[in-house]
Amino acid sequence: MPLSAYRQFEPALAYAAESTERTMDRLIPKGDAGEARVFEAMRYSSLGGGKRLRAFFVLASSTLFKVSPSSALRVASAIEFVHAYSLIHDDLPAMDDDDLRRGKPSCHRQFDEATAILAGDALQALAFEVLAHEATHGDSAVRAVLVAELAKAAGAQGMVGGQMLDLLAETQPDLSIGAITRLQRLKTGALISFSCTAGAILGKAAEPLRAALAAYAHDLGLAFQIVDDLLDVEGDPAELGKATRKDADAGKATFVSILGLERARSQATLLAQQAAAHLEPFGGPADLLKQAAKFVVTRRS
């Protein structure tokens, strides 16, 4: 049944993850030629793990505008390919130097650094190949907007720019809350914003409705990152599938280091409530997105 048939967030998220995973599996190249090793690394790092929260946002926002499920699933797969690429590169020794991802060896540990870099590059390229294909949407203008928006969200004005600021933050422990907010709005929030507004792009929605989803994504993205910072301090490495306290041990400024645990937790809750309030123009059909805002601040991984 379609996502719109679900009333509770947890089963809806599971459905979104399963259906997106099937689509991703079909879209990733297969073969036993010389390049098969990079195919294997792409599959290893992008399939079989993760909550698929960004994919959920694409599918849930698409239901608001009665977008074709097959179109929404292709866009959901594209955002998950970009997310997987970013995690591969984040884990590299030159970046965050993480040996674990989702409870298993990170890509460069399972394969090698060169293969990991190539797998990340290939996943990013595949995302844009998927968006540009006519199977994603019959209107080439819509496909062009999707490509342009994801490129901006993933590039130097979005995720990559945020990662650059994050690397610089390791040597600037006295960052202000405003600087950290900007860093995370780029590093994490830009891809979440694309995910939440993708349905409006696919459905050729009126600008005020797209703006409402962007406002929802803005507050939700900040809440998401605050909870990430909380989990880095309080989380269970077994549940998270990665090491904890890396930011604290490195002396990096975070929402938690500046606000403290209780204020950070309160701020995340307030942002989630604000995010849900932005969905009022959509009424009942946006209920799953409202539940997602609550999930973001109560998650344990």
C-alpha atoms as a PDB file:
ATOM      1  CA  MET A   1       0.000   0.000   0.000  1.00  0.00           C
ATOM      2  CA  PRO A   2       1.176   3.598  -0.531  1.00  0.00           C
ATOM      3  CA  LEU A   3       2.792   5.677   2.193  1.00  0.00           C
ATOM      4  CA  SER A   4      -0.337   7.829   2.434  1.00  0.00           C
ATOM      5  CA  ALA A   5      -2.227   4.787   3.775  1.00  0.00           C
ATOM      6  CA  TYR A   6      -0.080   4.728   6.933  1.00  0.00           C
ATOM      7  CA  ARG A   7      -1.216   6.566  10.058  1.00  0.00           C
ATOM      8  CA  GLN A   8       1.701   5.814  12.404  1.00  0.00           C
ATOM      9  CA  PHE A   9       5.232   7.049  11.843  1.00  0.00           C
ATOM     10  CA  GLU A  10       7.263   3.929  12.721  1.00  0.00           C
ATOM     11  CA  PRO A  11       5.606   1.568  10.206  1.00  0.00           C
ATOM     12  CA  ALA A  12       5.588   4.384   7.629  1.00  0.00           C
ATOM     13  CA  LEU A  13       9.337   4.875   8.095  1.00  0.00           C
ATOM     14  CA  ALA A  14       9.905   1.120   7.755  1.00  0.00           C
ATOM     15  CA  TYR A  15       7.851   1.067   4.551  1.00  0.00           C
ATOM     16  CA  ALA A  16       9.784   4.054   3.156  1.00  0.00           C
ATOM     17  CA  ALA A  17      13.103   2.382   3.977  1.00  0.00           C
ATOM     18  CA  GLU A  18      12.143  -0.952   2.440  1.00  0.00           C
ATOM     19  CA  SER A  19      10.673   0.481  -0.759  1.00  0.00           C
ATOM     20  CA  THR A  20      13.571   2.906  -1.236  1.00  0.00           C
ATOM     21  CA  GLU A  21      16.108   0.145  -0.633  1.00  0.00           C
ATOM     22  CA  ARG A  22      14.499  -1.981  -3.363  1.00  0.00           C
ATOM     23  CA  THR A  23      14.660   0.938  -5.780  1.00  0.00           C
ATOM     24  CA  MET A  24      18.288   1.704  -4.902  1.00  0.00           C
ATOM     25  CA  ASP A  25      19.242  -1.935  -5.389  1.00  0.00           C
ATOM     26  CA  ARG A  26      17.760  -1.833  -8.882  1.00  0.00           C
ATOM     27  CA  LEU A  27      19.521   1.424  -9.770  1.00  0.00           C
ATOM     28  CA  ILE A  28      23.066   0.562  -8.625  1.00  0.00           C
ATOM     29  CA  PRO A  29      25.056  -1.083 -11.437  1.00  0.00           C
ATOM     30  CA  LYS A  30      25.869  -4.786 -11.276  1.00  0.00           C
ATOM     31  CA  GLY A  31      28.507  -6.758 -13.155  1.00  0.00           C
ATOM     32  CA  ASP A  32      31.689  -8.767 -12.914  1.00  0.00           C
ATOM     33  CA  ALA A  33      33.921  -6.670 -15.179  1.00  0.00           C
ATOM     34  CA  GLY A  34      37.028  -4.852 -13.939  1.00  0.00           C
ATOM     35  CA  GLU A  35      34.972  -2.106 -12.285  1.00  0.00           C
ATOM     36  CA  ALA A  36      32.958  -4.643 -10.258  1.00  0.00           C
ATOM     37  CA  ARG A  37      34.940  -3.747  -7.117  1.00  0.00           C
ATOM     38  CA  VAL A  38      33.571  -0.221  -7.128  1.00  0.00           C
ATOM     39  CA  PHE A  39      30.024  -1.568  -7.672  1.00  0.00           C
ATOM     40  CA  GLU A  40      30.547  -3.788  -4.638  1.00  0.00           C
ATOM     41  CA  ALA A  41      31.774  -0.863  -2.531  1.00  0.00           C
ATOM     42  CA  MET A  42      28.798   1.262  -3.640  1.00  0.00           C
ATOM     43  CA  ARG A  43      26.402  -1.493  -2.576  1.00  0.00           C
ATOM     44  CA  TYR A  44      28.235  -2.144   0.682  1.00  0.00           C
ATOM     45  CA  SER A  45      27.980   1.491   1.738  1.00  0.00           C
ATOM     46  CA  SER A  46      24.512   2.407   0.505  1.00  0.00           C
ATOM     47  CA  LEU A  47      22.384  -0.720   1.019  1.00  0.00           C
ATOM     48  CA  GLY A  48      21.364  -2.686   4.078  1.00  0.00           C
ATOM     49  CA  GLY A  49      21.421  -0.036   6.762  1.00  0.00           C
ATOM     50  CA  GLY A  50      20.257   3.347   7.972  1.00  0.00           C
ATOM     51  CA  LYS A  51      16.850   4.730   8.890  1.00  0.00           C
ATOM     52  CA  ARG A  52      16.302   6.275   5.412  1.00  0.00           C
ATOM     53  CA  LEU A  53      14.874   9.374   7.083  1.00  0.00           C
ATOM     54  CA  ARG A  54      15.726  11.574   4.095  1.00  0.00           C
ATOM     55  CA  ALA A  55      13.975   9.125   1.779  1.00  0.00           C
ATOM     56  CA  PHE A  56      10.965   9.228   4.100  1.00  0.00           C
ATOM     57  CA  PHE A  57      10.830  13.024   3.809  1.00  0.00           C
ATOM     58  CA  VAL A  58      10.825  12.788   0.010  1.00  0.00           C
ATOM     59  CA  LEU A  59       8.026  10.209  -0.007  1.00  0.00           C
ATOM     60  CA  ALA A  60       5.965  11.943   2.675  1.00  0.00           C
ATOM     61  CA  SER A  61       6.208  15.370   1.038  1.00  0.00           C
ATOM     62  CA  SER A  62       5.294  13.766  -2.288  1.00  0.00           C
ATOM     63  CA  THR A  63       2.045  12.363  -0.865  1.00  0.00           C
ATOM     64  CA  LEU A  64       0.926  15.942  -0.136  1.00  0.00           C
ATOM     65  CA  PHE A  65       0.846  16.644  -3.880  1.00  0.00           C
ATOM     66  CA  LYS A  66      -0.248  13.218  -5.151  1.00  0.00           C
ATOM     67  CA  VAL A  67       3.093  12.591  -6.876  1.00  0.00           C
ATOM     68  CA  SER A  68       3.589   9.244  -8.613  1.00  0.00           C
ATOM     69  CA  PRO A  69       5.166   6.782  -6.118  1.00  0.00           C
ATOM     70  CA  SER A  70       7.690   5.648  -8.737  1.00  0.00           C
ATOM     71  CA  SER A  71       8.863   9.241  -9.281  1.00  0.00           C
ATOM     72  CA  ALA A  72       9.118   9.861  -5.550  1.00  0.00           C
ATOM     73  CA  LEU A  73      11.085   6.641  -5.021  1.00  0.00           C
ATOM     74  CA  ARG A  74      13.641   7.597  -7.649  1.00  0.00           C
ATOM     75  CA  VAL A  75      14.210  10.972  -5.973  1.00  0.00           C
ATOM     76  CA  ALA A  76      14.334   9.274  -2.563  1.00  0.00           C
ATOM     77  CA  SER A  77      17.000   6.922  -3.914  1.00  0.00           C
ATOM     78  CA  ALA A  78      18.994   9.834  -5.322  1.00  0.00           C
ATOM     79  CA  ILE A  79      19.124  11.637  -1.966  1.00  0.00           C
ATOM     80  CA  GLU A  80      20.158   8.405  -0.239  1.00  0.00           C
ATOM     81  CA  PHE A  81      22.950   7.917  -2.791  1.00  0.00           C
ATOM     82  CA  VAL A  82      24.248  11.419  -2.005  1.00  0.00           C
ATOM     83  CA  HIS A  83      23.942  10.766   1.728  1.00  0.00           C
ATOM     84  CA  ALA A  84      25.846   7.474   1.393  1.00  0.00           C
ATOM     85  CA  TYR A  85      28.590   9.186  -0.630  1.00  0.00           C
ATOM     86  CA  SER A  86      28.925  11.848   2.068  1.00  0.00           C
ATOM     87  CA  LEU A  87      29.285   9.226   4.812  1.00  0.00           C
ATOM     88  CA  ILE A  88      31.964   7.329   2.857  1.00  0.00           C
ATOM     89  CA  HIS A  89      34.001  10.502   2.452  1.00  0.00           C
ATOM     90  CA  ASP A  90      33.326  11.730   6.016  1.00  0.00           C
ATOM     91  CA  ASP A  91      34.759   8.493   7.395  1.00  0.00           C
ATOM     92  CA  LEU A  92      38.049   8.792   5.491  1.00  0.00           C
ATOM     93  CA  PRO A  93      41.270   9.345   7.488  1.00  0.00           C
ATOM     94  CA  ALA A  94      41.636  12.836   5.982  1.00  0.00           C
ATOM     95  CA  MET A  95      38.190  13.804   7.305  1.00  0.00           C
ATOM     96  CA  ASP A  96      36.608  12.334  10.483  1.00  0.00           C
ATOM     97  CA  ASP A  97      38.726   9.148  10.435  1.00  0.00           C
ATOM     98  CA  ASP A  98      35.983   6.724  11.558  1.00  0.00           C
ATOM     99  CA  ASP A  99      36.467   2.969  11.446  1.00  0.00           C
ATOM    100  CA  LEU A 100      32.784   2.106  11.968  1.00  0.00           C
ATOM    101  CA  ARG A 101      29.605   3.075  10.148  1.00  0.00           C
ATOM    102  CA  ARG A 102      26.205   1.590  10.974  1.00  0.00           C
ATOM    103  CA  GLY A 103      27.843  -1.077  13.098  1.00  0.00           C
ATOM    104  CA  LYS A 104      30.201  -2.407  10.424  1.00  0.00           C
ATOM    105  CA  PRO A 105      33.601  -1.385   9.065  1.00  0.00           C
ATOM    106  CA  SER A 106      33.510   1.891   7.164  1.00  0.00           C
ATOM    107  CA  CYS A 107      34.061   1.656   3.413  1.00  0.00           C
ATOM    108  CA  HIS A 108      37.776   2.481   3.446  1.00  0.00           C
ATOM    109  CA  ARG A 109      38.302  -0.155   6.143  1.00  0.00           C
ATOM    110  CA  GLN A 110      36.331  -2.837   4.308  1.00  0.00           C
ATOM    111  CA  PHE A 111      38.006  -2.069   0.956  1.00  0.00           C
ATOM    112  CA  ASP A 112      40.732   0.600   0.833  1.00  0.00           C
ATOM    113  CA  GLU A 113      40.920   4.385   0.702  1.00  0.00           C
ATOM    114  CA  ALA A 114      41.126   4.674  -3.083  1.00  0.00           C
ATOM    115  CA  THR A 115      38.139   2.371  -3.613  1.00  0.00           C
ATOM    116  CA  ALA A 116      36.162   4.286  -0.977  1.00  0.00           C
ATOM    117  CA  ILE A 117      36.837   7.607  -2.711  1.00  0.00           C
ATOM    118  CA  LEU A 118      35.778   6.162  -6.073  1.00  0.00           C
ATOM    119  CA  ALA A 119      32.638   4.557  -4.597  1.00  0.00           C
ATOM    120  CA  GLY A 120      31.635   7.902  -3.091  1.00  0.00           C
ATOM    121  CA  ASP A 121      32.275   9.701  -6.370  1.00  0.00           C
ATOM    122  CA  ALA A 122      30.238   7.095  -8.255  1.00  0.00           C
ATOM    123  CA  LEU A 123      27.288   7.300  -5.856  1.00  0.00           C
ATOM    124  CA  GLN A 124      27.171  11.072  -6.201  1.00  0.00           C
ATOM    125  CA  ALA A 125      27.238  10.827  -9.994  1.00  0.00           C
ATOM    126  CA  LEU A 126      24.550   8.136  -9.938  1.00  0.00           C
ATOM    127  CA  ALA A 127      22.235  10.410  -7.951  1.00  0.00           C
ATOM    128  CA  PHE A 128      22.257  13.038 -10.698  1.00  0.00           C
ATOM    129  CA  GLU A 129      21.949  10.412 -13.424  1.00  0.00           C
ATOM    130  CA  VAL A 130      18.776   9.172 -11.708  1.00  0.00           C
ATOM    131  CA  LEU A 131      17.294  12.663 -11.321  1.00  0.00           C
ATOM    132  CA  ALA A 132      18.000  13.584 -14.948  1.00  0.00           C
ATOM    133  CA  HIS A 133      16.331  10.448 -16.347  1.00  0.00           C
ATOM    134  CA  GLU A 134      12.873  10.895 -17.875  1.00  0.00           C
ATOM    135  CA  ALA A 135      11.556   8.076 -15.664  1.00  0.00           C
ATOM    136  CA  THR A 136      11.887  10.464 -12.696  1.00  0.00           C
ATOM    137  CA  HIS A 137       9.438  12.997 -14.158  1.00  0.00           C
ATOM    138  CA  GLY A 138       7.921  13.566 -17.572  1.00  0.00           C
ATOM    139  CA  ASP A 139       8.610  17.313 -17.461  1.00  0.00           C
ATOM    140  CA  SER A 140      12.248  18.123 -18.236  1.00  0.00           C
ATOM    141  CA  ALA A 141      11.895  21.480 -16.434  1.00  0.00           C
ATOM    142  CA  VAL A 142      11.022  19.661 -13.201  1.00  0.00           C
ATOM    143  CA  ARG A 143      14.007  17.362 -13.637  1.00  0.00           C
ATOM    144  CA  ALA A 144      16.257  20.382 -14.173  1.00  0.00           C
ATOM    145  CA  VAL A 145      15.032  21.984 -10.938  1.00  0.00           C
ATOM    146  CA  LEU A 146      15.630  18.754  -9.024  1.00  0.00           C
ATOM    147  CA  VAL A 147      19.183  18.501 -10.391  1.00  0.00           C
ATOM    148  CA  ALA A 148      19.930  22.167  -9.641  1.00  0.00           C
ATOM    149  CA  GLU A 149      18.498  22.039  -6.108  1.00  0.00           C
ATOM    150  CA  LEU A 150      20.308  18.838  -5.141  1.00  0.00           C
ATOM    151  CA  ALA A 151      23.567  20.154  -6.630  1.00  0.00           C
ATOM    152  CA  LYS A 152      23.284  23.297  -4.514  1.00  0.00           C
ATOM    153  CA  ALA A 153      22.339  21.337  -1.383  1.00  0.00           C
ATOM    154  CA  ALA A 154      25.248  18.910  -1.812  1.00  0.00           C
ATOM    155  CA  GLY A 155      27.919  21.365  -2.964  1.00  0.00           C
ATOM    156  CA  ALA A 156      30.034  24.209  -1.615  1.00  0.00           C
ATOM    157  CA  GLN A 157      26.940  26.237  -0.709  1.00  0.00           C
ATOM    158  CA  GLY A 158      25.503  23.270   1.188  1.00  0.00           C
ATOM    159  CA  MET A 159      26.848  20.009   2.573  1.00  0.00           C
ATOM    160  CA  VAL A 160      30.438  20.337   1.304  1.00  0.00           C
ATOM    161  CA  GLY A 161      30.656  23.912   2.585  1.00  0.00           C
ATOM    162  CA  GLY A 162      29.337  22.759   5.947  1.00  0.00           C
ATOM    163  CA  GLN A 163      31.917  19.975   6.092  1.00  0.00           C
ATOM    164  CA  MET A 164      34.653  22.528   5.384  1.00  0.00           C
ATOM    165  CA  LEU A 165      33.408  24.661   8.278  1.00  0.00           C
ATOM    166  CA  ASP A 166      33.259  21.539  10.441  1.00  0.00           C
ATOM    167  CA  LEU A 167      36.903  20.731   9.724  1.00  0.00           C
ATOM    168  CA  LEU A 168      37.882  24.321  10.566  1.00  0.00           C
ATOM    169  CA  ALA A 169      35.848  24.119  13.782  1.00  0.00           C
ATOM    170  CA  GLU A 170      38.282  21.528  15.131  1.00  0.00           C
ATOM    171  CA  THR A 171      40.815  24.326  15.560  1.00  0.00           C
ATOM    172  CA  GLN A 172      38.263  26.921  16.730  1.00  0.00           C
ATOM    173  CA  PRO A 173      36.754  25.683  20.027  1.00  0.00           C
ATOM    174  CA  ASP A 174      35.328  29.147  20.801  1.00  0.00           C
ATOM    175  CA  LEU A 175      32.798  29.199  17.940  1.00  0.00           C
ATOM    176  CA  SER A 176      29.579  31.083  18.674  1.00  0.00           C
ATOM    177  CA  ILE A 177      26.161  29.452  18.631  1.00  0.00           C
ATOM    178  CA  GLY A 178      25.424  31.412  15.451  1.00  0.00           C
ATOM    179  CA  ALA A 179      28.491  30.008  13.704  1.00  0.00           C
ATOM    180  CA  ILE A 180      27.628  26.449  14.731  1.00  0.00           C
ATOM    181  CA  THR A 181      24.032  26.935  13.573  1.00  0.00           C
ATOM    182  CA  ARG A 182      25.260  28.078  10.155  1.00  0.00           C
ATOM    183  CA  LEU A 183      27.708  25.176   9.965  1.00  0.00           C
ATOM    184  CA  GLN A 184      25.002  22.614  10.658  1.00  0.00           C
ATOM    185  CA  ARG A 185      22.431  24.340   8.435  1.00  0.00           C
ATOM    186  CA  LEU A 186      24.858  23.726   5.575  1.00  0.00           C
ATOM    187  CA  LYS A 187      26.331  20.348   6.559  1.00  0.00           C
ATOM    188  CA  THR A 188      23.126  18.570   7.615  1.00  0.00           C
ATOM    189  CA  GLY A 189      20.235  20.914   6.963  1.00  0.00           C
ATOM    190  CA  ALA A 190      20.725  21.466   3.232  1.00  0.00           C
ATOM    191  CA  LEU A 191      20.104  17.820   2.278  1.00  0.00           C
ATOM    192  CA  ILE A 192      17.172  17.590   4.703  1.00  0.00           C
ATOM    193  CA  SER A 193      15.703  20.713   3.120  1.00  0.00           C
ATOM    194  CA  PHE A 194      15.992  19.210  -0.369  1.00  0.00           C
ATOM    195  CA  SER A 195      14.347  16.013   0.884  1.00  0.00           C
ATOM    196  CA  CYS A 196      11.421  17.873   2.445  1.00  0.00           C
ATOM    197  CA  THR A 197      10.777  20.124  -0.554  1.00  0.00           C
ATOM    198  CA  ALA A 198      11.325  17.495  -3.272  1.00  0.00           C
ATOM    199  CA  GLY A 199       7.664  16.497  -3.217  1.00  0.00           C
ATOM    200  CA  ALA A 200       6.652  20.110  -3.848  1.00  0.00           C
ATOM    201  CA  ILE A 201       9.056  20.307  -6.807  1.00  0.00           C
ATOM    202  CA  LEU A 202       7.750  17.039  -8.260  1.00  0.00           C
ATOM    203  CA  GLY A 203       4.152  18.177  -7.739  1.00  0.00           C
ATOM    204  CA  LYS A 204       4.733  21.665  -9.193  1.00  0.00           C
ATOM    205  CA  ALA A 205       3.336  23.118  -5.970  1.00  0.00           C
ATOM    206  CA  ALA A 206       2.629  26.787  -5.353  1.00  0.00           C
ATOM    207  CA  GLU A 207       5.582  28.662  -3.862  1.00  0.00           C
ATOM    208  CA  PRO A 208       3.931  29.293  -0.436  1.00  0.00           C
ATOM    209  CA  LEU A 209       3.521  25.532   0.070  1.00  0.00           C
ATOM    210  CA  ARG A 210       7.109  24.849  -0.935  1.00  0.00           C
ATOM    211  CA  ALA A 211       8.206  27.626   1.457  1.00  0.00           C
ATOM    212  CA  ALA A 212       6.223  26.026   4.300  1.00  0.00           C
ATOM    213  CA  LEU A 213       8.062  22.739   3.756  1.00  0.00           C
ATOM    214  CA  ALA A 214      11.391  24.584   3.621  1.00  0.00           C
ATOM    215  CA  ALA A 215      10.614  26.252   6.963  1.00  0.00           C
ATOM    216  CA  TYR A 216       9.687  22.856   8.425  1.00  0.00           C
ATOM    217  CA  ALA A 217      12.978  21.439   7.157  1.00  0.00           C
ATOM    218  CA  HIS A 218      14.994  24.353   8.572  1.00  0.00           C
ATOM    219  CA  ASP A 219      13.779  23.840  12.139  1.00  0.00           C
ATOM    220  CA  LEU A 220      13.774  20.059  11.850  1.00  0.00           C
ATOM    221  CA  GLY A 221      17.347  20.003  10.524  1.00  0.00           C
ATOM    222  CA  LEU A 222      18.632  22.014  13.487  1.00  0.00           C
ATOM    223  CA  ALA A 223      16.732  19.800  15.935  1.00  0.00           C
ATOM    224  CA  PHE A 224      18.226  16.744  14.220  1.00  0.00           C
ATOM    225  CA  GLN A 225      21.775  18.034  14.648  1.00  0.00           C
ATOM    226  CA  ILE A 226      21.274  19.035  18.282  1.00  0.00           C
ATOM    227  CA  VAL A 227      20.098  15.498  18.996  1.00  0.00           C
ATOM    228  CA  ASP A 228      23.150  14.167  17.127  1.00  0.00           C
ATOM    229  CA  ASP A 229      25.328  16.252  19.456  1.00  0.00           C
ATOM    230  CA  LEU A 230      23.411  14.919  22.471  1.00  0.00           C
ATOM    231  CA  LEU A 231      23.850  11.334  21.276  1.00  0.00           C
ATOM    232  CA  ASP A 232      27.583  11.900  20.828  1.00  0.00           C
ATOM    233  CA  VAL A 233      27.710  12.632  24.569  1.00  0.00           C
ATOM    234  CA  GLU A 234      24.990  10.338  25.950  1.00  0.00           C
ATOM    235  CA  GLY A 235      24.434   7.714  23.250  1.00  0.00           C
ATOM    236  CA  ASP A 236      25.261   4.027  23.307  1.00  0.00           C
ATOM    237  CA  PRO A 237      27.923   3.159  20.694  1.00  0.00           C
ATOM    238  CA  ALA A 238      26.232  -0.220  20.151  1.00  0.00           C
ATOM    239  CA  GLU A 239      22.910   1.458  19.292  1.00  0.00           C
ATOM    240  CA  LEU A 240      24.539   4.175  17.212  1.00  0.00           C
ATOM    241  CA  GLY A 241      26.806   1.801  15.307  1.00  0.00           C
ATOM    242  CA  LYS A 242      29.745   4.212  15.657  1.00  0.00           C
ATOM    243  CA  ALA A 243      32.060   5.652  18.279  1.00  0.00           C
ATOM    244  CA  THR A 244      30.803   8.370  20.636  1.00  0.00           C
ATOM    245  CA  ARG A 245      32.370  11.394  22.383  1.00  0.00           C
ATOM    246  CA  LYS A 246      34.558  12.149  19.358  1.00  0.00           C
ATOM    247  CA  ASP A 247      33.573  15.841  19.327  1.00  0.00           C
ATOM    248  CA  ALA A 248      34.032  16.229  23.078  1.00  0.00           C
ATOM    249  CA  ASP A 249      37.405  14.466  23.040  1.00  0.00           C
ATOM    250  CA  ALA A 250      38.548  16.680  20.165  1.00  0.00           C
ATOM    251  CA  GLY A 251      37.452  19.805  22.041  1.00  0.00           C
ATOM    252  CA  LYS A 252      35.152  20.783  19.180  1.00  0.00           C
ATOM    253  CA  ALA A 253      32.427  23.360  19.823  1.00  0.00           C
ATOM    254  CA  THR A 254      28.932  21.857  19.510  1.00  0.00           C
ATOM    255  CA  PHE A 255      25.397  22.790  20.517  1.00  0.00           C
ATOM    256  CA  VAL A 256      25.881  20.726  23.683  1.00  0.00           C
ATOM    257  CA  SER A 257      29.239  22.228  24.628  1.00  0.00           C
ATOM    258  CA  ILE A 258      27.781  25.737  24.355  1.00  0.00           C
ATOM    259  CA  LEU A 259      24.232  25.229  25.644  1.00  0.00           C
ATOM    260  CA  GLY A 260      24.737  22.334  28.054  1.00  0.00           C
ATOM    261  CA  LEU A 261      22.718  19.123  28.005  1.00  0.00           C
ATOM    262  CA  GLU A 262      19.412  20.406  29.372  1.00  0.00           C
ATOM    263  CA  ARG A 263      19.251  23.617  27.337  1.00  0.00           C
ATOM    264  CA  ALA A 264      20.246  21.718  24.195  1.00  0.00           C
ATOM    265  CA  ARG A 265      17.514  19.145  24.806  1.00  0.00           C
ATOM    266  CA  SER A 266      14.923  21.893  25.407  1.00  0.00           C
ATOM    267  CA  GLN A 267      16.014  23.733  22.267  1.00  0.00           C
ATOM    268  CA  ALA A 268      15.664  20.586  20.158  1.00  0.00           C
ATOM    269  CA  THR A 269      12.139  20.024  21.490  1.00  0.00           C
ATOM    270  CA  LEU A 270      11.168  23.641  20.788  1.00  0.00           C
ATOM    271  CA  LEU A 271      12.525  23.435  17.234  1.00  0.00           C
ATOM    272  CA  ALA A 272      10.601  20.214  16.584  1.00  0.00           C
ATOM    273  CA  GLN A 273       7.394  21.892  17.771  1.00  0.00           C
ATOM    274  CA  GLN A 274       8.081  24.883  15.529  1.00  0.00           C
ATOM    275  CA  ALA A 275       8.738  22.553  12.598  1.00  0.00           C
ATOM    276  CA  ALA A 276       5.372  20.834  13.069  1.00  0.00           C
ATOM    277  CA  ALA A 277       3.611  24.218  13.243  1.00  0.00           C
ATOM    278  CA  HIS A 278       4.880  25.114   9.746  1.00  0.00           C
ATOM    279  CA  LEU A 279       2.791  22.203   8.369  1.00  0.00           C
ATOM    280  CA  GLU A 280      -0.582  23.698   9.308  1.00  0.00           C
ATOM    281  CA  PRO A 281      -1.409  24.682   5.673  1.00  0.00           C
ATOM    282  CA  PHE A 282      -1.481  20.970   4.775  1.00  0.00           C
ATOM    283  CA  GLY A 283      -3.842  19.803   7.513  1.00  0.00           C
ATOM    284  CA  GLY A 284      -4.264  16.089   8.218  1.00  0.00           C
ATOM    285  CA  PRO A 285      -2.247  14.762   5.240  1.00  0.00           C
ATOM    286  CA  ALA A 286       0.912  16.167   6.879  1.00  0.00           C
ATOM    287  CA  ASP A 287       0.423  14.188  10.095  1.00  0.00           C
ATOM    288  CA  LEU A 288       3.250  11.739   9.323  1.00  0.00           C
ATOM    289  CA  LEU A 289       5.650  14.659   8.873  1.00  0.00           C
ATOM    290  CA  LYS A 290       4.511  16.053  12.227  1.00  0.00           C
ATOM    291  CA  GLN A 291       5.185  12.683  13.840  1.00  0.00           C
ATOM    292  CA  ALA A 292       8.615  12.659  12.186  1.00  0.00           C
ATOM    293  CA  ALA A 293       9.472  15.907  13.978  1.00  0.00           C
ATOM    294  CA  LYS A 294       8.718  14.244  17.307  1.00  0.00           C
ATOM    295  CA  PHE A 295      10.739  11.170  16.340  1.00  0.00           C
ATOM    296  CA  VAL A 296      13.801  13.270  15.502  1.00  0.00           C
ATOM    297  CA  VAL A 297      14.092  14.491  19.109  1.00  0.00           C
ATOM    298  CA  THR A 298      13.311  11.165  20.795  1.00  0.00           C
ATOM    299  CA  ARG A 299      15.500   8.864  18.656  1.00  0.00           C
ATOM    300  CA  ARG A 300      18.313   6.851  20.210  1.00  0.00           C
ATOM    301  CA  SER A 301      20.387   6.362  17.075  1.00  0.00           C
END
